[in-house]
Protein backbone atom coordinates (compact mmCIF):
# COMPACT_ATOMS: atom_id res chain seq x y z
CA MET A 1 57.54 102.77 78.95
CA ALA A 2 59.47 103.48 82.06
CA SER A 3 61.19 107.38 82.82
CA VAL A 4 62.25 109.16 85.87
CA THR A 5 60.97 112.66 86.68
CA LYS A 6 62.49 115.40 89.32
CA GLU A 7 61.17 117.67 91.72
CA ASN A 8 62.97 120.24 93.71
CA ILE A 9 61.92 119.51 97.26
CA GLY A 10 64.38 121.50 99.37
CA ASN A 11 68.36 123.41 99.33
CA LEU A 12 70.36 120.61 97.30
CA HIS A 13 67.70 118.29 97.59
CA ASP A 14 65.23 116.70 94.90
CA LYS A 15 62.61 113.91 94.86
CA LEU A 16 63.32 111.51 91.79
CA ILE A 17 60.12 109.71 90.57
CA VAL A 18 60.51 106.64 88.98
CA LYS A 19 57.71 105.27 86.91
CA ILE A 20 57.59 101.98 85.25
CA SER A 21 54.42 100.11 83.09
CA LYS A 22 53.61 96.92 83.41
CA GLU A 23 55.47 96.04 79.99
CA ASP A 24 58.55 96.79 82.05
CA TYR A 25 58.05 94.02 84.04
CA LEU A 26 55.38 91.54 83.37
CA PRO A 27 57.65 89.39 81.06
CA PHE A 28 60.08 89.26 83.79
CA PHE A 29 57.87 88.18 85.93
CA GLU A 30 56.33 85.73 83.73
CA LYS A 31 59.83 84.19 82.99
CA SER A 32 60.83 84.02 86.50
CA VAL A 33 57.53 81.58 87.16
CA LYS A 34 58.12 79.71 84.19
CA ASP A 35 62.49 79.54 85.41
CA PHE A 36 61.22 78.60 88.82
CA SER A 37 58.68 75.82 88.13
CA LYS A 38 61.58 73.93 86.48
CA LYS A 39 63.60 74.39 89.60
CA ALA A 40 61.08 73.46 92.80
CA ASN A 41 61.03 70.86 94.45
CA ILE A 42 57.57 69.85 95.34
CA PRO A 43 55.90 67.25 97.01
CA GLY A 44 53.88 64.97 94.42
CA PHE A 45 55.10 66.20 91.66
CA ARG A 46 58.46 65.79 89.82
CA LYS A 47 61.01 68.30 89.71
CA GLY A 48 60.32 70.53 86.21
CA MET A 49 57.27 68.81 86.01
CA VAL A 50 55.07 71.84 88.59
CA PRO A 51 52.48 73.86 86.70
CA ALA A 52 53.25 77.17 86.62
CA GLY A 53 49.86 77.97 88.07
CA MET A 54 50.51 76.12 91.56
CA ILE A 55 54.07 78.08 91.09
CA LYS A 56 52.12 81.47 91.52
CA LYS A 57 49.88 80.55 93.96
CA MET A 58 52.65 79.48 95.82
CA TYR A 59 55.43 81.71 95.36
CA GLY A 60 53.99 84.21 92.92
CA PRO A 61 53.52 87.58 95.38
CA SER A 62 57.06 87.72 96.36
CA LEU A 63 58.18 86.97 92.57
CA TYR A 64 56.53 89.72 91.46
CA TYR A 65 57.47 92.09 94.06
CA ASP A 66 60.98 91.08 93.17
CA GLU A 67 60.61 91.74 89.88
CA VAL A 68 58.94 95.43 89.76
CA ILE A 69 61.96 96.13 92.36
CA LYS A 70 64.25 95.15 89.83
CA SER A 71 63.20 97.28 87.07
CA VAL A 72 62.80 100.54 89.28
CA GLU A 73 66.60 99.55 90.39
CA LYS A 74 67.19 99.23 86.74
CA GLN A 75 65.83 102.60 86.04
CA LEU A 76 66.72 104.21 88.34
CA ASN A 77 70.65 103.21 87.86
CA GLN A 78 70.06 103.78 84.42
CA TYR A 79 69.47 107.84 85.06
CA LEU A 80 72.15 107.94 87.52
CA THR A 81 74.41 106.75 85.15
CA GLU A 82 73.54 108.78 82.28
CA GLU A 83 72.64 112.04 83.98
CA LYS A 84 75.93 111.48 86.32
CA PRO A 85 74.53 113.97 89.06
CA GLU A 86 77.14 114.68 92.00
CA ILE A 87 74.84 113.12 94.82
CA PHE A 88 76.07 112.25 98.58
CA ALA A 89 75.60 108.33 99.06
CA GLN A 90 72.64 106.55 97.19
CA PRO A 91 69.21 107.78 96.67
CA LEU A 92 66.73 107.18 99.40
CA PRO A 93 63.47 105.02 99.18
CA LEU A 94 60.11 107.24 100.04
CA GLN A 95 57.37 105.95 101.04
CA ALA A 96 55.91 103.69 98.44
CA ASP A 97 51.90 101.89 98.25
CA MET A 98 53.50 98.25 98.59
CA ALA A 99 50.31 96.75 99.97
CA SER A 100 48.43 98.07 96.55
CA MET A 101 50.74 95.42 94.28
CA ASN A 102 48.49 92.71 92.98
CA MET A 103 50.16 90.24 90.58
CA ASN A 104 46.58 89.30 89.70
CA ASN A 105 45.88 93.00 88.64
CA PRO A 106 49.35 94.16 87.14
CA VAL A 107 49.22 98.03 86.64
CA ASP A 108 51.54 100.80 86.31
CA TYR A 109 53.93 101.99 89.83
CA GLU A 110 55.61 105.09 90.96
CA PHE A 111 58.84 104.78 93.60
CA PRO A 112 59.39 108.06 94.78
CA PHE A 113 63.18 108.52 96.14
CA GLU A 114 65.05 111.21 97.20
CA ILE A 115 68.82 112.56 96.21
CA GLY A 116 70.97 115.34 98.13
CA TYR A 117 73.71 117.10 95.67
CA LYS A 118 76.77 117.74 96.98
CA PRO A 119 77.31 121.68 96.94
CA GLU A 120 80.28 123.37 94.80
CA ILE A 121 83.36 122.99 97.16
CA SER A 122 86.01 126.32 97.21
CA LEU A 123 89.32 126.38 98.45
CA ASP A 124 89.69 129.75 98.84
CA PHE A 125 89.94 129.80 102.94
CA ILE A 126 93.47 128.21 102.59
CA GLY A 127 94.24 132.11 101.56
CA ASN A 128 93.16 133.09 104.71
CA LEU A 129 95.17 130.65 106.89
CA LYS A 130 97.73 132.18 109.64
CA PRO A 131 98.85 128.93 111.12
CA THR A 132 101.31 128.96 113.87
CA LEU A 133 104.83 126.30 113.65
CA TYR A 134 105.23 125.68 117.52
CA LYS A 135 108.87 125.11 118.23
CA VAL A 136 110.23 122.96 121.13
CA GLU A 137 113.76 123.25 121.59
CA ALA A 138 115.82 119.28 122.55
CA THR A 139 117.68 119.75 125.79
CA PRO A 140 120.03 118.33 127.50
CA GLU A 141 117.53 117.08 130.02
CA MET A 142 115.36 115.69 128.01
CA VAL A 143 118.23 113.61 126.49
CA ASN A 144 119.18 112.15 130.25
CA GLU A 145 114.99 111.04 130.36
CA GLU A 146 115.62 109.58 127.40
CA ILE A 147 118.59 107.56 128.12
CA GLU A 148 117.38 106.84 131.63
CA LYS A 149 114.40 105.22 129.71
CA MET A 150 116.20 103.19 127.07
CA LEU A 151 118.47 102.00 129.97
CA THR A 152 115.01 100.95 131.62
CA LYS A 153 113.60 99.23 129.02
CA SER A 154 116.29 97.08 128.13
CA ALA A 155 117.30 95.91 131.76
CA THR A 156 117.53 92.72 132.79
CA LEU A 157 115.91 91.74 136.20
CA LYS A 158 118.29 89.90 138.59
CA GLU A 159 116.93 88.20 142.06
CA VAL A 160 117.97 89.61 144.74
CA ASP A 161 117.10 89.01 148.48
CA THR A 162 117.26 92.31 150.10
CA VAL A 163 115.66 95.53 149.56
CA THR A 164 118.55 98.13 148.79
CA THR A 165 117.51 100.80 146.22
CA PRO A 166 114.40 102.77 145.36
CA GLU A 167 114.64 101.23 141.86
CA ASN A 168 114.33 97.82 143.24
CA ILE A 169 111.34 95.54 141.51
CA LEU A 170 109.12 93.99 144.12
CA ALA A 171 106.57 91.41 143.83
CA VAL A 172 103.98 91.57 146.21
CA SER A 173 100.89 89.94 147.73
CA PHE A 174 98.08 91.88 149.57
CA THR A 175 95.87 89.86 152.38
CA SER A 176 93.43 91.95 154.15
CA SER A 177 94.52 92.12 157.91
CA ASP A 178 91.30 92.48 159.56
CA GLU A 179 89.91 89.21 157.90
CA VAL A 180 87.77 86.91 159.84
CA ALA A 181 89.34 83.76 160.86
CA GLY A 182 88.42 81.11 158.13
CA ALA A 183 86.60 83.49 155.77
CA GLU A 184 88.44 83.90 152.38
CA ALA A 185 90.47 86.91 152.79
CA GLU A 186 88.53 90.21 151.30
CA GLY A 187 90.77 91.74 148.58
CA GLU A 188 93.34 89.21 148.41
CA SER A 189 95.13 89.81 145.28
CA ASN A 190 97.21 87.61 142.80
CA GLN A 191 101.30 88.63 142.82
CA VAL A 192 101.57 92.21 141.61
CA GLU A 193 104.86 94.01 140.92
CA ILE A 194 105.68 97.67 142.09
CA THR A 195 108.58 99.70 142.43
CA VAL A 196 110.15 100.53 145.99
CA LYS A 197 109.89 104.54 144.56
CA ASP A 198 106.29 104.05 143.92
CA PHE A 199 106.20 104.19 147.77
CA LYS A 200 105.44 107.50 149.94
CA ASN A 201 107.69 105.76 152.76
CA ALA A 202 110.22 104.08 150.45
CA ASP A 203 113.03 104.37 153.47
CA GLU A 204 111.04 101.98 155.08
CA ILE A 205 110.90 99.09 152.75
CA LEU A 206 114.70 99.36 152.55
CA ASN A 207 116.54 96.81 153.90
CA LYS A 208 113.51 94.37 154.21
CA GLN A 209 113.93 90.70 153.41
CA GLN A 210 112.67 88.54 150.98
CA GLY A 211 109.28 87.46 152.46
CA ALA A 212 109.01 90.27 154.79
CA ILE A 213 105.17 91.27 155.98
CA ILE A 214 104.63 95.03 156.08
CA GLU A 215 100.91 96.42 157.00
CA ILE A 216 99.99 99.10 154.90
CA ILE A 217 97.11 101.32 154.37
CA PRO A 218 96.68 101.68 150.87
CA GLU A 219 95.56 105.23 150.53
CA GLN A 220 98.41 106.28 152.87
CA ALA A 221 100.90 103.81 151.40
CA PHE A 222 101.32 105.32 147.75
CA VAL A 223 103.38 108.00 146.35
CA GLU A 224 100.18 110.30 145.46
CA ASP A 225 100.48 110.86 141.63
CA ARG A 226 99.98 107.43 141.43
CA SER A 227 98.19 106.15 144.09
CA GLU A 228 94.62 105.72 142.50
CA GLU A 229 96.29 104.14 139.80
CA ILE A 230 98.24 101.70 141.96
CA ILE A 231 95.10 101.04 144.45
CA ALA A 232 92.52 100.15 141.28
CA SER A 233 95.16 97.78 139.68
CA PHE A 234 95.76 95.85 142.63
CA ASN A 235 92.35 95.86 143.79
CA LEU A 236 92.64 97.24 146.94
CA LYS A 237 90.17 99.00 149.18
CA ALA A 238 91.13 102.66 149.83
CA GLY A 239 89.15 104.49 152.84
CA GLU A 240 88.21 104.22 156.43
CA GLY A 241 91.80 103.04 157.34
CA LYS A 242 91.45 99.78 156.28
CA LYS A 243 94.37 97.78 156.20
CA TYR A 244 96.23 95.31 154.44
CA GLU A 245 99.36 93.15 154.72
CA MET A 246 102.03 93.51 152.00
CA LYS A 247 104.26 90.18 151.57
CA LEU A 248 107.79 90.87 149.66
CA GLU A 249 107.11 87.84 147.42
CA LYS A 250 110.10 88.50 145.51
CA ILE A 251 112.44 91.16 145.03
CA SER A 252 114.23 92.11 141.75
CA ILE A 253 117.06 94.47 140.70
CA PRO A 254 116.78 96.02 137.00
CA GLU A 255 120.45 95.34 135.84
CA LYS A 256 120.92 98.18 133.09
CA LYS A 257 123.45 97.94 130.38
CA GLU A 258 126.21 100.48 130.32
CA LEU A 259 126.67 103.51 128.05
CA ASN A 260 129.15 101.55 125.59
CA GLU A 261 129.65 101.77 122.10
CA GLU A 262 127.70 98.06 122.19
CA PHE A 263 125.08 100.27 123.50
CA PHE A 264 125.34 102.77 121.09
CA LYS A 265 124.98 100.40 118.47
CA LEU A 266 121.73 98.80 119.90
CA VAL A 267 120.35 102.27 119.39
CA PHE A 268 121.45 103.72 116.34
CA PRO A 269 122.54 100.54 114.53
CA GLU A 270 123.66 102.69 111.17
CA LYS A 271 125.85 104.90 113.18
CA GLU A 272 129.54 104.57 114.17
CA ILE A 273 129.25 106.01 117.49
CA LYS A 274 132.06 105.55 119.89
CA ILE A 275 131.91 107.85 123.00
CA GLU A 276 129.25 108.72 124.67
CA ALA A 277 128.95 112.58 124.02
CA ASP A 278 128.91 111.65 120.36
CA PHE A 279 125.76 109.35 121.34
CA ARG A 280 124.29 112.06 123.29
CA LYS A 281 124.80 114.16 120.28
CA VAL A 282 123.07 112.51 117.49
CA LEU A 283 120.15 111.84 120.56
CA GLN A 284 119.46 114.67 120.66
CA GLU A 285 119.21 115.57 116.88
CA GLU A 286 117.23 112.63 116.83
CA ILE A 287 114.83 114.55 119.73
CA GLN A 288 114.64 117.27 117.79
CA ILE A 289 113.80 116.00 114.65
CA GLN A 290 110.85 114.29 117.05
CA TRP A 291 109.63 117.96 118.26
CA ASP A 292 110.03 119.41 114.98
CA LYS A 293 107.55 116.85 113.66
CA ALA A 294 105.28 116.84 116.67
CA GLY A 295 105.32 121.31 115.76
CA ASN A 296 104.07 119.93 112.17
CA GLU A 297 101.61 117.70 113.00
CA GLN A 298 100.13 120.59 115.63
CA ILE A 299 99.83 122.76 112.29
CA HIS A 300 97.99 119.73 111.13
CA ASP A 301 95.40 119.95 113.59
CA GLN A 302 95.00 123.84 112.96
CA PHE A 303 94.25 123.15 109.41
CA TYR A 304 91.74 120.25 109.97
CA HIS A 305 89.82 122.96 112.22
CA ALA A 306 90.24 125.21 109.71
CA MET A 307 88.70 123.14 107.07
CA LEU A 308 85.66 122.20 109.84
CA ASP A 309 85.08 126.24 110.12
CA VAL A 310 84.79 126.72 106.65
CA SER A 311 80.83 127.87 105.53
CA ILE A 312 79.67 124.99 103.21
CA ASN A 313 75.95 125.09 102.04
CA LEU A 314 75.08 121.32 102.82
CA PRO A 315 71.66 120.11 101.93
CA GLU A 316 70.77 119.52 105.59
CA ALA A 317 66.71 117.99 105.46
CA PHE A 318 68.21 115.27 102.84
CA LEU A 319 71.51 114.34 105.24
CA LYS A 320 69.16 114.21 108.33
CA ASN A 321 67.46 111.62 106.21
CA TRP A 322 69.83 109.68 105.39
CA ILE A 323 71.37 109.21 109.46
CA ALA A 324 67.83 108.59 110.19
CA LYS A 325 67.52 105.41 107.43
CA GLY A 326 71.26 104.79 106.82
CA GLY A 327 71.73 101.87 109.26
CA GLU A 328 70.70 98.52 109.91
CA LYS A 329 68.16 100.44 112.27
CA GLU A 330 66.18 103.62 111.93
CA LYS A 331 67.38 106.31 114.10
CA SER A 332 64.67 108.31 116.35
CA ALA A 333 64.96 112.11 115.65
CA GLU A 334 66.84 112.75 118.79
CA GLU A 335 69.32 110.38 117.96
CA VAL A 336 69.89 111.99 114.57
CA GLU A 337 70.17 115.74 115.91
CA SER A 338 72.99 114.50 118.54
CA GLN A 339 75.05 112.66 115.79
CA LEU A 340 74.48 115.48 113.40
CA PRO A 341 77.24 117.77 114.58
CA LYS A 342 79.89 115.26 114.33
CA PHE A 343 78.64 113.81 111.05
CA LEU A 344 78.48 117.48 109.08
CA ASP A 345 82.02 117.67 110.79
CA GLN A 346 82.85 114.54 108.57
CA LEU A 347 81.46 115.39 105.63
CA LYS A 348 83.16 118.94 105.28
CA TYR A 349 86.46 117.57 106.00
CA GLN A 350 85.92 114.81 103.25
CA LEU A 351 84.46 117.32 100.71
CA ILE A 352 87.19 119.54 101.22
CA SER A 353 89.82 116.52 101.38
CA ASP A 354 88.35 114.97 97.78
CA LYS A 355 88.24 118.77 96.25
CA ILE A 356 92.45 119.14 97.23
CA ILE A 357 93.21 115.34 96.15
CA LYS A 358 91.41 116.39 92.67
CA ASP A 359 92.53 119.32 91.80
CA ASN A 360 95.86 118.18 92.80
CA ASP A 361 96.18 114.85 91.38
CA LEU A 362 97.11 113.11 94.36
CA ASN A 363 97.30 109.43 94.70
CA VAL A 364 98.74 106.45 96.75
CA THR A 365 100.48 104.02 95.17
CA GLN A 366 100.94 99.98 96.53
CA ASP A 367 104.67 100.87 97.46
CA GLU A 368 103.87 104.00 99.67
CA ILE A 369 101.37 101.93 101.14
CA ARG A 370 103.98 98.63 101.82
CA LEU A 371 106.18 101.16 102.96
CA ASN A 372 103.98 102.78 105.71
CA ILE A 373 103.32 99.43 106.90
CA GLN A 374 107.03 98.19 107.24
CA ASN A 375 107.33 101.91 108.88
CA GLN A 376 104.80 100.89 111.63
CA VAL A 377 106.30 97.74 112.11
CA MET A 378 109.83 98.89 112.54
CA GLY A 379 108.01 101.84 114.96
CA TYR A 380 106.61 98.88 117.50
CA PHE A 381 110.50 98.46 118.26
CA GLY A 382 110.45 101.79 119.83
CA GLY A 383 112.94 103.54 118.06
CA MET A 384 115.70 100.53 118.13
CA ALA A 385 115.75 98.16 115.25
CA PRO A 386 114.95 94.86 115.53
CA GLN A 387 117.90 92.63 115.07
CA GLY A 388 118.75 88.92 113.19
CA ASP A 389 117.00 87.28 110.39
CA LEU A 390 114.43 90.38 108.90
CA SER A 391 112.81 87.82 106.13
CA TRP A 392 109.90 87.68 108.40
CA LEU A 393 109.32 91.76 108.07
CA ASP A 394 108.88 90.60 104.43
CA SER A 395 106.15 87.93 104.41
CA TYR A 396 104.03 89.88 107.55
CA ILE A 397 104.05 92.86 105.40
CA ASP A 398 103.16 90.66 102.38
CA ARG A 399 99.83 89.26 104.74
CA MET A 400 99.10 92.80 105.77
CA MET A 401 98.81 94.10 101.70
CA LYS A 402 96.18 90.96 101.73
CA ASP A 403 94.19 92.66 104.55
CA GLU A 404 91.81 95.09 102.65
CA LYS A 405 91.16 96.37 106.38
CA GLN A 406 94.76 96.90 106.47
CA VAL A 407 95.01 98.90 103.32
CA GLU A 408 92.25 100.60 103.38
CA SER A 409 93.31 102.26 106.52
CA THR A 410 97.14 102.55 105.55
CA TYR A 411 95.45 103.73 102.39
CA HIS A 412 93.79 106.93 104.51
CA LYS A 413 96.86 107.61 106.75
CA VAL A 414 99.02 108.09 103.56
CA ILE A 415 96.68 110.26 101.47
CA THR A 416 95.63 112.29 104.79
CA ASP A 417 99.64 113.15 105.16
CA LYS A 418 99.40 114.15 101.04
CA ILE A 419 96.79 116.50 101.85
CA PHE A 420 98.32 117.81 104.99
CA ASN A 421 101.92 117.87 103.04
CA TRP A 422 100.13 119.97 99.91
CA LEU A 423 98.42 122.45 102.59
CA ASP A 424 102.29 122.77 104.22
CA THR A 425 103.19 124.36 100.96
CA GLN A 426 100.34 126.83 100.56
CA VAL A 427 101.28 128.97 103.67
CA LYS A 428 103.75 129.86 105.50
CA PRO A 429 103.28 129.73 109.15
CA THR A 430 104.45 132.17 112.02
CA GLU A 431 107.47 130.61 113.97
CA LYS A 432 106.75 130.79 118.20
CA THR A 433 109.05 129.46 120.78
CA ILE A 434 107.41 127.21 123.69
CA SER A 435 108.61 124.80 126.42
CA ALA A 436 107.81 120.84 125.87
CA GLU A 437 104.99 121.72 128.80
CA GLU A 438 103.49 124.82 127.27
CA PHE A 439 103.33 122.31 124.18
CA VAL A 440 101.91 119.49 125.55
CA LYS A 441 98.84 121.76 127.37
CA LEU A 442 98.34 122.67 123.50
CA GLN A 443 97.67 119.63 122.68
CA HIS A 444 95.26 118.65 125.26
CA HIS A 445 93.65 122.01 124.61
CA HIS A 446 92.63 121.14 120.26
CA HIS A 447 91.64 117.82 121.75
C-alpha cells in the first residue's frame, strides 16, 4: 500500500518519502506489456501476435521503470492535492537507488523528495514607508525643446546643391586618404548621414558644394559629446592622426512644418487650438503630466526597493538546490551562489506582491489587457495620433490577444501597476521639488 511520510531537514525544508509496494505498480506493468504486444511491429510476427515474453525481454525494463515512476508520481500528487502544503515550485527528487530496480524481482520501493515551504508574509513594513514624491516643474524651455523635436521628427528632406546651415544633413562617404594605390581602401564605408552641426569646425563645411571632398582626421573632426559614437558608427579608425577623404554625396535641408493650426491639429487632434500661445500652454500641461507620471513611477521604484529590504524567512538550502537542479542543465555551486541574491530578491518581490493581490482581491480583466495593448500601439506614434482608417488597429489587437506571451507580459504589467497603485493609497509621501537634471541623476542612481 502506497504512503507518504515527512521529516524535517531544515528551515521550512522537509523530506517526503514516497513508499510504494509492488501491488501498486505490478498490475499496471503486466497490463502495459500486454498492450504493447498488441501494438508492436516486430519482423517475423504478425501485428498483435508478439509473445509477451519477447516484449518483456526487449522492452520490459523501460516499461517496468515507467510504471514504477507513474505510481510514485500518482501517490505524490495525491498527497499534495489532499494536504495542500504551501510550497515553492515542485518537489525536487533526491537520490534514489534506480539501479536496484529489476522487473524479475519486483519489490517495495522508497523515493525521497525535498520540498521548501513558503513563509508567512506580513505587510507591516508598509506602515514604516517614508517615500518622497519628487516634483519637476515643466518650463517654457522644455516646451521649446519639445516643439523642436516634433518639428524635426515631422520634417521632410529637400535636396540642395550647397551647404548653407548647420541644420543641413549630409550623406557622406569616407575613403582612407593614405591608401596604397590599387589596394582596397582601408576603412572605406557605405554612405552615411550626419548633420553639419555634428562637426567641430562646422563653419569650414558651409558653402561646400555637392561632390566636394574634405580631408578629416576622425578624432579631431566631430563635436566631443558625439565623437566616439560617430567614429564607431561610421567604421572609421581613430588615432595616430589617420586621415580620410570625406565626399559630400548628397546635401539635404529639413523643411520643418509651420507652427499653424494644421500642425496643432496633428499633435492634438482632439483639441481645437487656433493660436501658438494656446498650443504652448497645452503642450506645457502635457509635459507636466509626463513629469508627474515620472515622479509617481519613481515612488514606485522606492516601494520596490523597500519590498526587497523586507526581512523574510526563506528556505535557502532548498532554494539553492532548486537553482542548481531546476534548469535543463545542473548548475555548479559557484553558479548557484552568484545567482542566489538576484533570485532571492525576485522571490521576495513575488511573495509580497502575491500577498497584496490576495488580500485586496486585485485582478486583471481581458478588457484591461486589450486596452493596455492598444495604448502601447498608440505610444509608438510618439504622442501624435495615427491618421486615417484605424480598422487595422482592432485586427492587430485581436492578433495580439491570441499571443500567449504577449497576453502574459501585458497581464504582469497591468497587475504590477495595480499593486503599486494600491501602495499609493496606503502611504502619504513627502513632496520635494527638484530640477529635471537632478531627477535624471536620481533615476540613474536607483537603477
